[in-house]
Amino acid sequence: MSGRAISTTVSTIVCLIILTFAIPTVQWLATKLIARPEFVGVISSTAVIVCTGFWLTKTKAFRFRILSLQWKMFYYLALIVILGLLIFNVQHQPVSQITGKARTPFEVLDLIVLLPIAEELIFRGAIWSAIQKFLKVEITPILVLTGTSLLFGIEHLGYWAQSNWPLPPGAYLHAFSMVFAGLFFGYFRLKSDSLTIPAVLHMLANGAILLTQ
């Protein structure tokens, strides 16, 4: 392997590590700078969305537009369900699995709406594109799908690390389950050829999970 190839490989690995833990890191920084903890998630996710969205406008690496009529119908129906889940969970105030505290309305808004958008921009957007660019060959999407899903699971250890260190066994089980969630969201990114559909599915999943807490 040439020096240039090694440099490219190292740069890509560093980039993937930074992107994988971008949201937990921004959240951690926000907890140090923001006096009101209920606003940490909203501000952190918004910052990630703005920064990644700016990157999107420069690179146009992935598509938001829904091309299929069937996917458009699903999208509008899903938005109605998401609104219902949001209202119910704001009133219900589910308890966080990680912190053990009841979630405020702002935290519910973040978990159901903003955080899924931020995570999809990072994992099914930026990381997905970075892996494809690094490989530079026509490959089966399974490799990209698997890679992004593994990193998606690892990311969730960063959430646990903010409140629980050393990590409890439940953190690893949660991260492992998120690998399969990543495979699910990534599959629909491939099927719909749009980042909007996995983002909407992510919102539905988070809203449904809160119902059990």
Protein backbone atom coordinates (compact mmCIF):
# COMPACT_ATOMS: atom_id res chain seq x y z
CA MET A 1 0.00 0.00 0.00
CA SER A 2 1.40 3.39 -1.01
CA GLY A 3 1.90 6.30 1.38
CA ARG A 4 -0.98 8.17 -0.22
CA ALA A 5 -3.30 5.18 0.19
CA ILE A 6 -2.31 4.84 3.85
CA SER A 7 -2.92 8.53 4.42
CA THR A 8 -6.34 8.31 2.77
CA THR A 9 -7.25 5.26 4.86
CA VAL A 10 -6.19 6.91 8.12
CA SER A 11 -8.03 10.12 7.23
CA THR A 12 -11.19 8.17 6.44
CA ILE A 13 -11.04 6.22 9.69
CA VAL A 14 -10.55 9.41 11.71
CA CYS A 15 -13.44 11.04 9.83
CA LEU A 16 -15.72 8.07 10.54
CA ILE A 17 -14.84 8.11 14.24
CA ILE A 18 -15.54 11.84 14.48
CA LEU A 19 -18.86 11.50 12.66
CA THR A 20 -19.90 8.46 14.71
CA PHE A 21 -19.54 10.30 18.01
CA ALA A 22 -20.46 13.76 16.70
CA ILE A 23 -23.90 13.93 18.31
CA PRO A 24 -22.91 12.52 21.75
CA THR A 25 -19.89 14.85 21.76
CA VAL A 26 -21.96 17.91 20.90
CA GLN A 27 -24.45 16.91 23.59
CA TRP A 28 -21.66 16.59 26.15
CA LEU A 29 -20.28 20.01 25.23
CA ALA A 30 -23.78 21.48 25.43
CA THR A 31 -24.21 20.17 28.98
CA LYS A 32 -21.12 22.17 29.96
CA LEU A 33 -22.30 25.37 28.30
CA ILE A 34 -26.09 25.37 28.78
CA ALA A 35 -27.56 25.91 32.23
CA ARG A 36 -30.95 24.41 31.35
CA PRO A 37 -30.46 20.65 30.76
CA GLU A 38 -33.88 20.25 29.11
CA PHE A 39 -32.63 22.34 26.18
CA VAL A 40 -29.40 20.38 25.63
CA GLY A 41 -30.86 17.84 23.21
CA VAL A 42 -32.82 20.35 21.15
CA ILE A 43 -29.85 22.68 20.76
CA SER A 44 -27.37 19.85 20.08
CA SER A 45 -29.51 18.17 17.43
CA THR A 46 -30.30 21.50 15.77
CA ALA A 47 -26.59 22.35 15.60
CA VAL A 48 -25.80 18.99 13.97
CA ILE A 49 -28.68 19.37 11.51
CA VAL A 50 -27.54 22.87 10.48
CA CYS A 51 -23.89 21.84 10.06
CA THR A 52 -24.68 18.65 8.16
CA GLY A 53 -27.27 20.45 6.07
CA PHE A 54 -24.67 23.05 5.11
CA TRP A 55 -22.37 20.20 4.07
CA LEU A 56 -25.22 18.78 1.97
CA THR A 57 -25.67 22.02 0.05
CA LYS A 58 -21.98 21.95 -0.85
CA THR A 59 -21.62 18.28 -1.81
CA LYS A 60 -25.14 17.14 -2.78
CA ALA A 61 -24.03 13.70 -1.65
CA PHE A 62 -27.52 12.35 -0.95
CA ARG A 63 -31.13 13.00 -1.89
CA PHE A 64 -34.03 14.15 0.26
CA ARG A 65 -36.61 14.32 -2.50
CA ILE A 66 -39.10 11.44 -2.62
CA LEU A 67 -39.53 10.23 -6.19
CA SER A 68 -42.14 7.48 -5.83
CA LEU A 69 -45.84 8.30 -5.38
CA GLN A 70 -46.22 5.37 -2.97
CA TRP A 71 -43.42 6.65 -0.76
CA LYS A 72 -44.99 10.13 -0.83
CA MET A 73 -48.31 8.71 0.40
CA PHE A 74 -46.51 6.84 3.15
CA TYR A 75 -44.62 10.01 4.09
CA TYR A 76 -47.76 12.12 4.59
CA LEU A 77 -49.52 9.36 6.54
CA ALA A 78 -46.42 8.94 8.73
CA LEU A 79 -46.33 12.65 9.51
CA ILE A 80 -49.85 12.43 10.95
CA VAL A 81 -48.89 9.46 13.13
CA ILE A 82 -45.69 11.22 14.26
CA LEU A 83 -47.69 14.28 15.32
CA GLY A 84 -49.98 12.04 17.36
CA LEU A 85 -47.02 10.28 18.99
CA LEU A 86 -45.42 13.63 19.77
CA ILE A 87 -48.53 15.00 21.47
CA PHE A 88 -49.14 11.82 23.45
CA ASN A 89 -45.56 11.50 24.66
CA VAL A 90 -45.36 15.16 25.65
CA GLN A 91 -48.37 14.58 27.89
CA HIS A 92 -47.15 11.17 29.07
CA GLN A 93 -43.63 12.34 30.00
CA PRO A 94 -41.87 8.97 29.53
CA VAL A 95 -38.90 8.14 31.74
CA SER A 96 -35.49 8.00 30.06
CA GLN A 97 -33.94 4.55 29.96
CA ILE A 98 -30.46 6.05 30.36
CA THR A 99 -30.94 8.76 33.02
CA GLY A 100 -34.00 7.38 34.80
CA LYS A 101 -35.64 10.83 34.74
CA ALA A 102 -38.94 11.90 33.20
CA ARG A 103 -38.47 13.58 29.82
CA THR A 104 -39.53 17.20 29.42
CA PRO A 105 -41.55 18.33 26.35
CA PHE A 106 -38.35 19.67 24.79
CA GLU A 107 -36.61 16.32 25.30
CA VAL A 108 -39.55 14.49 23.74
CA LEU A 109 -39.45 16.87 20.76
CA ASP A 110 -35.75 16.18 20.36
CA LEU A 111 -36.05 12.41 20.63
CA ILE A 112 -38.98 12.06 18.24
CA VAL A 113 -38.20 14.76 15.65
CA LEU A 114 -34.80 16.44 15.80
CA LEU A 115 -32.50 13.60 16.89
CA PRO A 116 -33.75 11.17 14.18
CA ILE A 117 -33.11 13.83 11.53
CA ALA A 118 -29.63 14.50 12.91
CA GLU A 119 -28.76 10.80 13.12
CA GLU A 120 -30.02 10.07 9.62
CA LEU A 121 -28.04 12.99 8.21
CA ILE A 122 -24.93 11.64 9.91
CA PHE A 123 -25.27 7.87 9.37
CA ARG A 124 -27.39 7.33 6.27
CA GLY A 125 -26.05 10.59 4.84
CA ALA A 126 -22.50 11.68 5.67
CA ILE A 127 -21.05 8.35 6.85
CA TRP A 128 -22.80 6.45 4.06
CA SER A 129 -21.29 8.82 1.49
CA ALA A 130 -17.84 8.73 3.12
CA ILE A 131 -17.68 4.93 2.96
CA GLN A 132 -18.81 4.91 -0.66
CA LYS A 133 -16.23 7.53 -1.58
CA PHE A 134 -13.45 5.66 0.22
CA LEU A 135 -14.13 2.38 -1.56
CA LYS A 136 -14.20 4.11 -4.97
CA VAL A 137 -15.60 1.06 -6.73
CA GLU A 138 -19.00 -0.27 -7.68
CA ILE A 139 -19.75 -2.56 -4.76
CA THR A 140 -22.75 -4.25 -3.28
CA PRO A 141 -24.67 -1.82 -1.05
CA ILE A 142 -24.59 -4.51 1.65
CA LEU A 143 -21.08 -3.40 2.67
CA VAL A 144 -22.10 0.22 3.09
CA LEU A 145 -25.32 -0.78 4.83
CA THR A 146 -23.46 -3.04 7.27
CA GLY A 147 -20.74 -0.49 8.00
CA THR A 148 -23.11 2.37 8.74
CA SER A 149 -25.29 0.12 10.90
CA LEU A 150 -22.35 -1.06 13.03
CA LEU A 151 -21.26 2.54 13.60
CA PHE A 152 -24.86 3.50 14.41
CA GLY A 153 -24.86 0.90 17.18
CA ILE A 154 -21.49 2.08 18.51
CA GLU A 155 -22.73 5.68 18.59
CA HIS A 156 -25.31 4.80 21.23
CA LEU A 157 -22.56 3.85 23.66
CA GLY A 158 -21.65 7.54 23.57
CA TYR A 159 -25.11 8.45 24.87
CA TRP A 160 -24.78 6.02 27.77
CA ALA A 161 -21.24 7.20 28.60
CA GLN A 162 -22.56 10.69 29.41
CA SER A 163 -24.57 9.39 32.38
CA ASN A 164 -23.15 5.95 33.16
CA TRP A 165 -19.45 5.13 33.47
CA PRO A 166 -18.27 2.44 33.42
CA LEU A 167 -20.89 1.34 30.95
CA PRO A 168 -23.54 -1.03 32.36
CA PRO A 169 -24.44 -4.28 30.53
CA GLY A 170 -27.65 -2.65 29.35
CA ALA A 171 -25.63 -0.15 27.32
CA TYR A 172 -24.07 -2.90 25.21
CA LEU A 173 -27.43 -4.61 24.69
CA HIS A 174 -28.91 -1.30 23.61
CA ALA A 175 -26.03 -0.66 21.19
CA PHE A 176 -26.38 -4.17 19.76
CA SER A 177 -30.10 -3.65 19.13
CA MET A 178 -29.33 -0.36 17.40
CA VAL A 179 -27.21 -2.19 14.83
CA PHE A 180 -30.37 -3.93 13.65
CA ALA A 181 -32.24 -0.62 13.74
CA GLY A 182 -29.51 0.81 11.51
CA LEU A 183 -29.94 -2.08 9.09
CA PHE A 184 -33.67 -1.38 9.01
CA PHE A 185 -33.32 2.35 8.33
CA GLY A 186 -30.52 1.76 5.82
CA TYR A 187 -32.60 -0.79 3.92
CA PHE A 188 -35.33 1.77 3.38
CA ARG A 189 -32.77 4.34 2.32
CA LEU A 190 -31.83 1.93 -0.46
CA LYS A 191 -35.43 1.07 -1.36
CA SER A 192 -36.68 4.66 -1.45
CA ASP A 193 -33.46 6.24 -2.76
CA SER A 194 -34.13 9.10 -0.34
CA LEU A 195 -32.99 10.12 3.12
CA THR A 196 -36.47 11.37 3.99
CA ILE A 197 -38.06 7.92 4.33
CA PRO A 198 -35.55 6.48 6.84
CA ALA A 199 -35.77 9.74 8.80
CA VAL A 200 -39.55 9.42 9.02
CA LEU A 201 -39.28 5.74 9.99
CA HIS A 202 -36.74 6.71 12.64
CA MET A 203 -39.20 9.24 14.08
CA LEU A 204 -41.96 6.63 14.15
CA ALA A 205 -39.68 4.12 15.87
CA ASN A 206 -38.57 6.60 18.55
CA GLY A 207 -42.12 7.72 19.18
CA ALA A 208 -43.30 4.12 19.53
CA ILE A 209 -40.40 3.26 21.88
CA LEU A 210 -41.34 6.14 24.18
CA LEU A 211 -44.81 4.64 24.55
CA THR A 212 -43.25 1.69 26.40
CA GLN A 213 -41.23 3.82 28.83
